[in-house]
PDB file of N, CA and C in Angstrom:
ATOM      1  N   UNK A   1       6.486   8.490 -14.858  1.00  0.00           N
ATOM      2  CA  UNK A   1       7.140   7.554 -13.972  1.00  0.00           C
ATOM      3  C   UNK A   1       8.024   8.298 -12.961  1.00  0.00           C
ATOM      4  N   UNK A   2       8.836   9.211 -13.437  1.00  0.00           N
ATOM      5  CA  UNK A   2       9.717   9.967 -12.544  1.00  0.00           C
ATOM      6  C   UNK A   2       8.912  10.812 -11.568  1.00  0.00           C
ATOM      7  N   UNK A   3       7.848  11.449 -12.065  1.00  0.00           N
ATOM      8  CA  UNK A   3       7.017  12.289 -11.217  1.00  0.00           C
ATOM      9  C   UNK A   3       6.308  11.458 -10.148  1.00  0.00           C
ATOM     10  N   UNK A   4       5.899  10.248 -10.479  1.00  0.00           N
ATOM     11  CA  UNK A   4       5.277   9.366  -9.495  1.00  0.00           C
ATOM     12  C   UNK A   4       6.242   9.053  -8.356  1.00  0.00           C
ATOM     13  N   UNK A   5       7.501   8.829  -8.683  1.00  0.00           N
ATOM     14  CA  UNK A   5       8.499   8.542  -7.659  1.00  0.00           C
ATOM     15  C   UNK A   5       8.727   9.773  -6.779  1.00  0.00           C
ATOM     16  N   UNK A   6       8.698  10.950  -7.382  1.00  0.00           N
ATOM     17  CA  UNK A   6       8.829  12.186  -6.608  1.00  0.00           C
ATOM     18  C   UNK A   6       7.652  12.326  -5.646  1.00  0.00           C
ATOM     19  N   UNK A   7       6.427  12.054  -6.126  1.00  0.00           N
ATOM     20  CA  UNK A   7       5.253  12.100  -5.259  1.00  0.00           C
ATOM     21  C   UNK A   7       5.393  11.118  -4.101  1.00  0.00           C
ATOM     22  N   UNK A   8       5.868   9.917  -4.390  1.00  0.00           N
ATOM     23  CA  UNK A   8       6.064   8.930  -3.331  1.00  0.00           C
ATOM     24  C   UNK A   8       7.024   9.450  -2.267  1.00  0.00           C
ATOM     25  N   UNK A   9       8.115  10.035  -2.708  1.00  0.00           N
ATOM     26  CA  UNK A   9       9.099  10.561  -1.765  1.00  0.00           C
ATOM     27  C   UNK A   9       8.510  11.701  -0.941  1.00  0.00           C
ATOM     28  N   UNK A  10       7.762  12.575  -1.576  1.00  0.00           N
ATOM     29  CA  UNK A  10       7.166  13.715  -0.858  1.00  0.00           C
ATOM     30  C   UNK A  10       6.196  13.229   0.208  1.00  0.00           C
ATOM     31  N   UNK A  11       5.300  12.300  -0.134  1.00  0.00           N
ATOM     32  CA  UNK A  11       4.329  11.801   0.842  1.00  0.00           C
ATOM     33  C   UNK A  11       5.026  11.090   1.988  1.00  0.00           C
ATOM     34  N   UNK A  12       6.085  10.328   1.697  1.00  0.00           N
ATOM     35  CA  UNK A  12       6.817   9.620   2.759  1.00  0.00           C
ATOM     36  C   UNK A  12       7.525  10.602   3.686  1.00  0.00           C
ATOM     37  N   UNK A  13       8.142  11.624   3.132  1.00  0.00           N
ATOM     38  CA  UNK A  13       8.851  12.609   3.964  1.00  0.00           C
ATOM     39  C   UNK A  13       7.871  13.384   4.836  1.00  0.00           C
ATOM     40  N   UNK A  14       6.746  13.777   4.283  1.00  0.00           N
ATOM     41  CA  UNK A  14       5.757  14.526   5.073  1.00  0.00           C
ATOM     42  C   UNK A  14       5.186  13.649   6.180  1.00  0.00           C
ATOM     43  N   UNK A  15       4.909  12.383   5.892  1.00  0.00           N
ATOM     44  CA  UNK A  15       4.400  11.475   6.922  1.00  0.00           C
ATOM     45  C   UNK A  15       5.429  11.291   8.028  1.00  0.00           C
ATOM     46  N   UNK A  16       6.681  11.121   7.656  1.00  0.00           N
ATOM     47  CA  UNK A  16       7.729  10.995   8.660  1.00  0.00           C
ATOM     48  C   UNK A  16       7.856  12.233   9.524  1.00  0.00           C
ATOM     49  N   UNK A  17       7.740  13.392   8.912  1.00  0.00           N
ATOM     50  CA  UNK A  17       7.811  14.643   9.680  1.00  0.00           C
ATOM     51  C   UNK A  17       6.636  14.772  10.638  1.00  0.00           C
ATOM     52  N   UNK A  18       5.447  14.381  10.195  1.00  0.00           N
ATOM     53  CA  UNK A  18       4.276  14.452  11.083  1.00  0.00           C
ATOM     54  C   UNK A  18       4.447  13.539  12.291  1.00  0.00           C
ATOM     55  N   UNK A  19       4.985  12.360  12.078  1.00  0.00           N
ATOM     56  CA  UNK A  19       5.218  11.444  13.191  1.00  0.00           C
ATOM     57  C   UNK A  19       6.297  12.009  14.118  1.00  0.00           C
ATOM     58  N   UNK A  20       7.327  12.569  13.532  1.00  0.00           N
ATOM     59  CA  UNK A  20       8.416  13.149  14.318  1.00  0.00           C
ATOM     60  C   UNK A  20       7.943  14.337  15.161  1.00  0.00           C
ATOM     61  N   UNK A  21       7.087  15.172  14.601  1.00  0.00           N
ATOM     62  CA  UNK A  21       6.658  16.381  15.299  1.00  0.00           C
ATOM     63  C   UNK A  21       5.404  16.171  16.142  1.00  0.00           C
ATOM     64  N   UNK A  22       4.961  14.956  16.311  1.00  0.00           N
ATOM     65  CA  UNK A  22       3.730  14.695  17.058  1.00  0.00           C
ATOM     66  C   UNK A  22       3.849  15.084  18.524  1.00  0.00           C
ATOM     67  N   UNK A  23       5.032  15.011  19.089  1.00  0.00           N
ATOM     68  CA  UNK A  23       5.193  15.380  20.500  1.00  0.00           C
ATOM     69  C   UNK A  23       4.926  16.870  20.717  1.00  0.00           C
ATOM     70  N   UNK A  24       5.362  17.693  19.786  1.00  0.00           N
ATOM     71  CA  UNK A  24       5.152  19.140  19.910  1.00  0.00           C
ATOM     72  C   UNK A  24       3.720  19.534  19.568  1.00  0.00           C
ATOM     73  N   UNK A  25       3.252  19.061  18.438  1.00  0.00           N
ATOM     74  CA  UNK A  25       1.969  19.528  17.900  1.00  0.00           C
ATOM     75  C   UNK A  25       0.789  18.846  18.584  1.00  0.00           C
ATOM     76  N   UNK A  26       0.881  17.566  18.823  1.00  0.00           N
ATOM     77  CA  UNK A  26      -0.204  16.853  19.470  1.00  0.00           C
ATOM     78  C   UNK A  26      -0.611  15.618  18.678  1.00  0.00           C
ATOM     79  N   UNK A  27      -1.664  14.987  19.151  1.00  0.00           N
ATOM     80  CA  UNK A  27      -2.112  13.722  18.576  1.00  0.00           C
ATOM     81  C   UNK A  27      -2.650  13.866  17.161  1.00  0.00           C
ATOM     82  N   UNK A  28      -3.077  15.047  16.791  1.00  0.00           N
ATOM     83  CA  UNK A  28      -3.600  15.234  15.440  1.00  0.00           C
ATOM     84  C   UNK A  28      -2.528  14.984  14.393  1.00  0.00           C
ATOM     85  N   UNK A  29      -1.279  15.093  14.783  1.00  0.00           N
ATOM     86  CA  UNK A  29      -0.188  14.804  13.851  1.00  0.00           C
ATOM     87  C   UNK A  29      -0.201  13.355  13.412  1.00  0.00           C
ATOM     88  N   UNK A  30      -0.643  12.465  14.301  1.00  0.00           N
ATOM     89  CA  UNK A  30      -0.737  11.055  13.919  1.00  0.00           C
ATOM     90  C   UNK A  30      -1.833  10.845  12.878  1.00  0.00           C
ATOM     91  N   UNK A  31      -2.919  11.591  13.003  1.00  0.00           N
ATOM     92  CA  UNK A  31      -3.980  11.506  11.993  1.00  0.00           C
ATOM     93  C   UNK A  31      -3.470  12.040  10.664  1.00  0.00           C
ATOM     94  N   UNK A  32      -2.775  13.160  10.712  1.00  0.00           N
ATOM     95  CA  UNK A  32      -2.202  13.723   9.487  1.00  0.00           C
ATOM     96  C   UNK A  32      -1.177  12.767   8.881  1.00  0.00           C
ATOM     97  N   UNK A  33      -0.366  12.139   9.733  1.00  0.00           N
ATOM     98  CA  UNK A  33       0.604  11.156   9.237  1.00  0.00           C
ATOM     99  C   UNK A  33      -0.114   9.983   8.590  1.00  0.00           C
ATOM    100  N   UNK A  34      -1.219   9.570   9.166  1.00  0.00           N
ATOM    101  CA  UNK A  34      -2.017   8.496   8.566  1.00  0.00           C
ATOM    102  C   UNK A  34      -2.519   8.885   7.190  1.00  0.00           C
ATOM    103  N   UNK A  35      -2.922  10.140   7.034  1.00  0.00           N
ATOM    104  CA  UNK A  35      -3.364  10.620   5.724  1.00  0.00           C
ATOM    105  C   UNK A  35      -2.229  10.558   4.711  1.00  0.00           C
ATOM    106  N   UNK A  36      -1.054  11.000   5.109  1.00  0.00           N
ATOM    107  CA  UNK A  36       0.074  10.999   4.177  1.00  0.00           C
ATOM    108  C   UNK A  36       0.576   9.588   3.889  1.00  0.00           C
ATOM    109  N   UNK A  37       0.476   8.705   4.856  1.00  0.00           N
ATOM    110  CA  UNK A  37       0.804   7.290   4.599  1.00  0.00           C
ATOM    111  C   UNK A  37      -0.198   6.703   3.610  1.00  0.00           C
ATOM    112  N   UNK A  38      -1.475   7.043   3.778  1.00  0.00           N
ATOM    113  CA  UNK A  38      -2.492   6.595   2.828  1.00  0.00           C
ATOM    114  C   UNK A  38      -2.173   7.090   1.421  1.00  0.00           C
ATOM    115  N   UNK A  39      -1.797   8.358   1.298  1.00  0.00           N
ATOM    116  CA  UNK A  39      -1.448   8.905  -0.011  1.00  0.00           C
ATOM    117  C   UNK A  39      -0.245   8.174  -0.599  1.00  0.00           C
ATOM    118  N   UNK A  40       0.754   7.889   0.236  1.00  0.00           N
ATOM    119  CA  UNK A  40       1.941   7.163  -0.205  1.00  0.00           C
ATOM    120  C   UNK A  40       1.576   5.774  -0.701  1.00  0.00           C
ATOM    121  N   UNK A  41       0.798   5.050   0.078  1.00  0.00           N
ATOM    122  CA  UNK A  41       0.442   3.669  -0.297  1.00  0.00           C
ATOM    123  C   UNK A  41      -0.415   3.660  -1.554  1.00  0.00           C
ATOM    124  N   UNK A  42      -1.349   4.595  -1.664  1.00  0.00           N
ATOM    125  CA  UNK A  42      -2.228   4.626  -2.836  1.00  0.00           C
ATOM    126  C   UNK A  42      -1.414   4.883  -4.112  1.00  0.00           C
ATOM    127  N   UNK A  43      -0.505   5.834  -4.053  1.00  0.00           N
ATOM    128  CA  UNK A  43       0.331   6.123  -5.221  1.00  0.00           C
ATOM    129  C   UNK A  43       1.279   4.969  -5.531  1.00  0.00           C
ATOM    130  N   UNK A  44       1.806   4.326  -4.496  1.00  0.00           N
ATOM    131  CA  UNK A  44       2.685   3.176  -4.708  1.00  0.00           C
ATOM    132  C   UNK A  44       1.926   2.037  -5.370  1.00  0.00           C
ATOM    133  N   UNK A  45       0.718   1.772  -4.900  1.00  0.00           N
ATOM    134  CA  UNK A  45      -0.088   0.708  -5.505  1.00  0.00           C
ATOM    135  C   UNK A  45      -0.479   1.073  -6.934  1.00  0.00           C
ATOM    136  N   UNK A  46      -0.724   2.345  -7.189  1.00  0.00           N
ATOM    137  CA  UNK A  46      -1.026   2.783  -8.551  1.00  0.00           C
ATOM    138  C   UNK A  46       0.164   2.550  -9.475  1.00  0.00           C
ATOM    139  N   UNK A  47       1.362   2.717  -8.930  1.00  0.00           N
ATOM    140  CA  UNK A  47       2.576   2.508  -9.707  1.00  0.00           C
ATOM    141  C   UNK A  47       2.843   1.026  -9.955  1.00  0.00           C
ATOM    142  N   UNK A  48       2.563   0.198  -8.967  1.00  0.00           N
ATOM    143  CA  UNK A  48       2.877  -1.230  -9.051  1.00  0.00           C
ATOM    144  C   UNK A  48       1.815  -2.019  -9.818  1.00  0.00           C
ATOM    145  N   UNK A  49       0.556  -1.765  -9.524  1.00  0.00           N
ATOM    146  CA  UNK A  49      -0.532  -2.552 -10.112  1.00  0.00           C
ATOM    147  C   UNK A  49      -0.789  -2.148 -11.561  1.00  0.00           C
ATOM    148  N   UNK A  50      -1.291  -3.078 -12.358  1.00  0.00           N
ATOM    149  CA  UNK A  50      -1.562  -2.758 -13.769  1.00  0.00           C
ATOM    150  C   UNK A  50      -2.843  -1.950 -13.988  1.00  0.00           C
ATOM    151  N   UNK A  51      -3.634  -1.728 -12.921  1.00  0.00           N
ATOM    152  CA  UNK A  51      -4.864  -0.948 -13.077  1.00  0.00           C
ATOM    153  C   UNK A  51      -4.626   0.488 -12.631  1.00  0.00           C
ATOM    154  N   UNK A  52      -5.453   1.387 -13.141  1.00  0.00           N
ATOM    155  CA  UNK A  52      -5.354   2.803 -12.776  1.00  0.00           C
ATOM    156  C   UNK A  52      -6.223   3.049 -11.547  1.00  0.00           C
ATOM    157  N   UNK A  53      -5.599   3.369 -10.433  1.00  0.00           N
ATOM    158  CA  UNK A  53      -6.328   3.603  -9.195  1.00  0.00           C
ATOM    159  C   UNK A  53      -6.895   5.021  -9.107  1.00  0.00           C
ATOM    160  N   UNK A  54      -6.662   5.820 -10.107  1.00  0.00           N
ATOM    161  CA  UNK A  54      -7.216   7.169 -10.150  1.00  0.00           C
ATOM    162  C   UNK A  54      -8.288   7.296 -11.230  1.00  0.00           C
ATOM    163  N   UNK A  55      -9.006   6.198 -11.478  1.00  0.00           N
ATOM    164  CA  UNK A  55     -10.092   6.202 -12.452  1.00  0.00           C
ATOM    165  C   UNK A  55     -11.222   5.317 -11.932  1.00  0.00           C
ATOM    166  N   UNK A  56     -12.433   5.681 -12.276  1.00  0.00           N
ATOM    167  CA  UNK A  56     -13.598   4.864 -11.957  1.00  0.00           C
ATOM    168  C   UNK A  56     -13.906   4.798 -10.474  1.00  0.00           C
ATOM    169  N   UNK A  57     -14.290   3.612 -10.034  1.00  0.00           N
ATOM    170  CA  UNK A  57     -14.694   3.391  -8.642  1.00  0.00           C
ATOM    171  C   UNK A  57     -13.520   3.622  -7.690  1.00  0.00           C
ATOM    172  N   UNK A  58     -12.333   3.264  -8.114  1.00  0.00           N
ATOM    173  CA  UNK A  58     -11.161   3.462  -7.258  1.00  0.00           C
ATOM    174  C   UNK A  58     -10.931   4.938  -6.968  1.00  0.00           C
ATOM    175  N   UNK A  59     -11.199   5.783  -7.930  1.00  0.00           N
ATOM    176  CA  UNK A  59     -11.060   7.224  -7.721  1.00  0.00           C
ATOM    177  C   UNK A  59     -12.087   7.723  -6.703  1.00  0.00           C
ATOM    178  N   UNK A  60     -13.284   7.185  -6.744  1.00  0.00           N
ATOM    179  CA  UNK A  60     -14.316   7.567  -5.776  1.00  0.00           C
ATOM    180  C   UNK A  60     -13.901   7.138  -4.375  1.00  0.00           C
ATOM    181  N   UNK A  61     -13.376   5.923  -4.242  1.00  0.00           N
ATOM    182  CA  UNK A  61     -12.899   5.437  -2.943  1.00  0.00           C
ATOM    183  C   UNK A  61     -11.777   6.335  -2.430  1.00  0.00           C
ATOM    184  N   UNK A  62     -10.856   6.672  -3.306  1.00  0.00           N
ATOM    185  CA  UNK A  62      -9.738   7.543  -2.934  1.00  0.00           C
ATOM    186  C   UNK A  62     -10.243   8.885  -2.431  1.00  0.00           C
ATOM    187  N   UNK A  63     -11.161   9.481  -3.140  1.00  0.00           N
ATOM    188  CA  UNK A  63     -11.667  10.800  -2.759  1.00  0.00           C
ATOM    189  C   UNK A  63     -12.442  10.761  -1.450  1.00  0.00           C
ATOM    190  N   UNK A  64     -13.216   9.706  -1.230  1.00  0.00           N
ATOM    191  CA  UNK A  64     -13.979   9.596   0.012  1.00  0.00           C
ATOM    192  C   UNK A  64     -13.036   9.446   1.205  1.00  0.00           C
ATOM    193  N   UNK A  65     -12.042   8.578   1.096  1.00  0.00           N
ATOM    194  CA  UNK A  65     -11.102   8.381   2.198  1.00  0.00           C
ATOM    195  C   UNK A  65     -10.314   9.665   2.449  1.00  0.00           C
ATOM    196  N   UNK A  66      -9.829  10.310   1.409  1.00  0.00           N
ATOM    197  CA  UNK A  66      -9.091  11.561   1.576  1.00  0.00           C
ATOM    198  C   UNK A  66      -9.985  12.640   2.182  1.00  0.00           C
ATOM    199  N   UNK A  67     -11.228  12.708   1.755  1.00  0.00           N
ATOM    200  CA  UNK A  67     -12.168  13.686   2.301  1.00  0.00           C
ATOM    201  C   UNK A  67     -12.444  13.469   3.776  1.00  0.00           C
ATOM    202  N   UNK A  68     -12.582  12.203   4.182  1.00  0.00           N
ATOM    203  CA  UNK A  68     -12.816  11.907   5.596  1.00  0.00           C
ATOM    204  C   UNK A  68     -11.617  12.333   6.436  1.00  0.00           C
ATOM    205  N   UNK A  69     -10.409  12.013   5.975  1.00  0.00           N
ATOM    206  CA  UNK A  69      -9.212  12.449   6.694  1.00  0.00           C
ATOM    207  C   UNK A  69      -9.188  13.963   6.822  1.00  0.00           C
ATOM    208  N   UNK A  70      -9.443  14.662   5.746  1.00  0.00           N
ATOM    209  CA  UNK A  70      -9.354  16.118   5.766  1.00  0.00           C
ATOM    210  C   UNK A  70     -10.444  16.753   6.621  1.00  0.00           C
ATOM    211  N   UNK A  71     -11.655  16.175   6.635  1.00  0.00           N
ATOM    212  CA  UNK A  71     -12.729  16.697   7.479  1.00  0.00           C
ATOM    213  C   UNK A  71     -12.380  16.497   8.953  1.00  0.00           C
ATOM    214  N   UNK A  72     -11.808  15.349   9.293  1.00  0.00           N
ATOM    215  CA  UNK A  72     -11.415  15.098  10.686  1.00  0.00           C
ATOM    216  C   UNK A  72     -10.344  16.094  11.125  1.00  0.00           C
ATOM    217  N   UNK A  73      -9.352  16.304  10.294  1.00  0.00           N
ATOM    218  CA  UNK A  73      -8.282  17.244  10.642  1.00  0.00           C
ATOM    219  C   UNK A  73      -8.822  18.667  10.744  1.00  0.00           C
ATOM    220  N   UNK A  74      -9.657  19.074   9.803  1.00  0.00           N
ATOM    221  CA  UNK A  74     -10.239  20.420   9.844  1.00  0.00           C
ATOM    222  C   UNK A  74     -11.137  20.593  11.059  1.00  0.00           C
ATOM    223  N   UNK A  75     -11.933  19.583  11.379  1.00  0.00           N
ATOM    224  CA  UNK A  75     -12.787  19.642  12.567  1.00  0.00           C
ATOM    225  C   UNK A  75     -11.984  19.802  13.840  1.00  0.00           C
ATOM    226  N   UNK A  76     -10.886  19.091  13.937  1.00  0.00           N
ATOM    227  CA  UNK A  76     -10.011  19.206  15.103  1.00  0.00           C
ATOM    228  C   UNK A  76      -9.439  20.613  15.219  1.00  0.00           C
ATOM    229  N   UNK A  77      -9.020  21.183  14.104  1.00  0.00           N
ATOM    230  CA  UNK A  77      -8.461  22.538  14.120  1.00  0.00           C
ATOM    231  C   UNK A  77      -9.533  23.553  14.545  1.00  0.00           C
ATOM    232  N   UNK A  78     -10.724  23.434  14.021  1.00  0.00           N
ATOM    233  CA  UNK A  78     -11.800  24.368  14.365  1.00  0.00           C
ATOM    234  C   UNK A  78     -12.167  24.260  15.828  1.00  0.00           C
ATOM    235  N   UNK A  79     -12.262  23.045  16.339  1.00  0.00           N
ATOM    236  CA  UNK A  79     -12.599  22.856  17.756  1.00  0.00           C
ATOM    237  C   UNK A  79     -11.511  23.431  18.657  1.00  0.00           C
ATOM    238  N   UNK A  80     -10.259  23.229  18.293  1.00  0.00           N
ATOM    239  CA  UNK A  80      -9.170  23.774  19.110  1.00  0.00           C
ATOM    240  C   UNK A  80      -9.134  25.292  19.080  1.00  0.00           C
ATOM    241  N   UNK A  81      -9.447  25.891  17.966  1.00  0.00           N
ATOM    242  CA  UNK A  81      -9.473  27.364  17.901  1.00  0.00           C
ATOM    243  C   UNK A  81     -10.587  27.929  18.774  1.00  0.00           C
ATOM    244  N   UNK A  82     -11.740  27.257  18.802  1.00  0.00           N
ATOM    245  CA  UNK A  82     -12.842  27.726  19.645  1.00  0.00           C
ATOM    246  C   UNK A  82     -12.513  27.571  21.112  1.00  0.00           C
ATOM    247  N   UNK A  83     -11.808  26.493  21.469  1.00  0.00           N
ATOM    248  CA  UNK A  83     -11.428  26.288  22.863  1.00  0.00           C
ATOM    249  C   UNK A  83     -10.392  27.298  23.332  1.00  0.00           C
ATOM    250  N   UNK A  84      -9.490  27.686  22.445  1.00  0.00           N
ATOM    251  CA  UNK A  84      -8.421  28.590  22.839  1.00  0.00           C
ATOM    252  C   UNK A  84      -8.897  30.041  22.992  1.00  0.00           C
ATOM    253  N   UNK A  85     -10.040  30.378  22.432  1.00  0.00           N
ATOM    254  CA  UNK A  85     -10.562  31.749  22.545  1.00  0.00           C
ATOM    255  C   UNK A  85     -11.206  31.900  23.868  1.00  0.00           C
TER     256      UNK A  85
END
């Protein structure tokens, strides 16, 4: 229970920082903030709801959504590195 609350705080702080630093870093920070907001909401719902959102079909949904976010962010980084060379 305590560790879940720590995770919630970490995801919220990182999302807030990404939104705050979006002017410097660029629009990809909003995508990253969206990922961290998703992580925050998923963990919060796991804490509130009586079902385990990290088991079964819900775990597959979680992994697919997280994977899509991470592929988009990684693709953006790779494209920007190629453009800057």
